[in-house]
Structure formats: structure tokens, C-alpha cells
Amino acid sequence: MVHKLKKELVDGKPIKLSLGIPEVDDYLRFLEYRCRPNIWLSNGHDLQIMLLIMLN
């Protein structure tokens, strides 16, 4: 299964990130309030790549 990073944007700014895995989504919510938006997006993308490699 391919996990794609889903982003919800409002006025061009991300308000929610999800990969469809509850534990990973919880971690992304945790990071949302502790990181700047660009770091938050980078972590989401990095998690997507990591899952792609691990699950193949």
C-alpha cells in the first residue's frame, strides 16, 4: 500500500497533514504545535519516503 501525504490548505498554509496511519498521524499532530510550518511539512514528507522504503 502506498501512503501519500495528504495536506489540507487554507490560504496556502497547511492546517492538517495525514499519512493514513493513526500512529504517524498522531506524531504529525504532535509536531504541528512544536515546529515551524516548513519543518512540519518536511517531517511529513520524510515519513512518507521512509514508509515507502520500509514497506517495499
C-alpha atoms as a PDB file:
ATOM      1  CA  MET A   1       0.000   0.000   0.000  1.00  0.00           C
ATOM      2  CA  VAL A   2       1.317   3.432  -0.916  1.00  0.00           C
ATOM      3  CA  HIS A   3       0.935   6.082   1.759  1.00  0.00           C
ATOM      4  CA  LYS A   4       0.667   9.586   0.338  1.00  0.00           C
ATOM      5  CA  LEU A   5       0.963  12.712   2.409  1.00  0.00           C
ATOM      6  CA  LYS A   6      -2.430  14.428   2.415  1.00  0.00           C
ATOM      7  CA  LYS A   7      -2.364  18.160   3.090  1.00  0.00           C
ATOM      8  CA  GLU A   8      -5.282  20.424   3.893  1.00  0.00           C
ATOM      9  CA  LEU A   9      -4.511  24.023   2.994  1.00  0.00           C
ATOM     10  CA  VAL A  10      -6.213  27.274   3.958  1.00  0.00           C
ATOM     11  CA  ASP A  11      -4.963  30.405   2.215  1.00  0.00           C
ATOM     12  CA  GLY A  12      -1.953  28.417   1.004  1.00  0.00           C
ATOM     13  CA  LYS A  13      -0.919  27.395   4.522  1.00  0.00           C
ATOM     14  CA  PRO A  14      -1.096  23.794   5.745  1.00  0.00           C
ATOM     15  CA  ILE A  15      -3.552  23.179   8.557  1.00  0.00           C
ATOM     16  CA  LYS A  16      -3.531  19.358   8.598  1.00  0.00           C
ATOM     17  CA  LEU A  17      -1.173  16.597   7.453  1.00  0.00           C
ATOM     18  CA  SER A  18      -2.053  12.919   7.280  1.00  0.00           C
ATOM     19  CA  LEU A  19      -0.494   9.697   6.003  1.00  0.00           C
ATOM     20  CA  GLY A  20      -3.450   7.460   6.898  1.00  0.00           C
ATOM     21  CA  ILE A  21      -1.689   5.598   9.728  1.00  0.00           C
ATOM     22  CA  PRO A  22      -3.094   6.567  13.151  1.00  0.00           C
ATOM     23  CA  GLU A  23       0.244   6.497  14.997  1.00  0.00           C
ATOM     24  CA  VAL A  24       2.006   8.534  12.310  1.00  0.00           C
ATOM     25  CA  ASP A  25      -0.892  10.999  12.136  1.00  0.00           C
ATOM     26  CA  ASP A  26      -0.688  11.451  15.924  1.00  0.00           C
ATOM     27  CA  TYR A  27       3.023  12.190  15.611  1.00  0.00           C
ATOM     28  CA  LEU A  28       2.344  14.744  12.852  1.00  0.00           C
ATOM     29  CA  ARG A  29      -0.257  16.427  15.086  1.00  0.00           C
ATOM     30  CA  PHE A  30       2.337  16.492  17.892  1.00  0.00           C
ATOM     31  CA  LEU A  31       4.863  18.168  15.567  1.00  0.00           C
ATOM     32  CA  GLU A  32       2.308  20.692  14.312  1.00  0.00           C
ATOM     33  CA  TYR A  33       2.476  22.667  17.559  1.00  0.00           C
ATOM     34  CA  ARG A  34       6.208  22.269  18.145  1.00  0.00           C
ATOM     35  CA  CYS A  35       7.718  23.090  14.743  1.00  0.00           C
ATOM     36  CA  ARG A  36       7.558  25.804  12.146  1.00  0.00           C
ATOM     37  CA  PRO A  37       5.324  25.001   9.153  1.00  0.00           C
ATOM     38  CA  ASN A  38       8.218  24.254   6.788  1.00  0.00           C
ATOM     39  CA  ILE A  39       9.792  21.806   9.279  1.00  0.00           C
ATOM     40  CA  TRP A  40       6.397  20.187   9.850  1.00  0.00           C
ATOM     41  CA  LEU A  41       5.937  19.656   6.092  1.00  0.00           C
ATOM     42  CA  SER A  42       9.491  18.321   5.766  1.00  0.00           C
ATOM     43  CA  ASN A  43       8.884  15.773   8.511  1.00  0.00           C
ATOM     44  CA  GLY A  44       5.672  14.651   6.830  1.00  0.00           C
ATOM     45  CA  HIS A  45       7.475  14.190   3.523  1.00  0.00           C
ATOM     46  CA  ASP A  46      10.360  12.348   5.208  1.00  0.00           C
ATOM     47  CA  LEU A  47       7.910   9.994   6.932  1.00  0.00           C
ATOM     48  CA  GLN A  48       6.226   9.307   3.589  1.00  0.00           C
ATOM     49  CA  ILE A  49       9.566   8.382   1.995  1.00  0.00           C
ATOM     50  CA  MET A  50      10.556   6.234   4.987  1.00  0.00           C
ATOM     51  CA  LEU A  51       7.282   4.286   4.823  1.00  0.00           C
ATOM     52  CA  LEU A  52       7.634   3.833   1.075  1.00  0.00           C
ATOM     53  CA  ILE A  53      11.091   2.277   1.538  1.00  0.00           C
ATOM     54  CA  MET A  54      10.209   0.206   4.623  1.00  0.00           C
ATOM     55  CA  LEU A  55       7.022  -1.293   3.219  1.00  0.00           C
ATOM     56  CA  ASN A  56       8.536  -2.287  -0.133  1.00  0.00           C
END
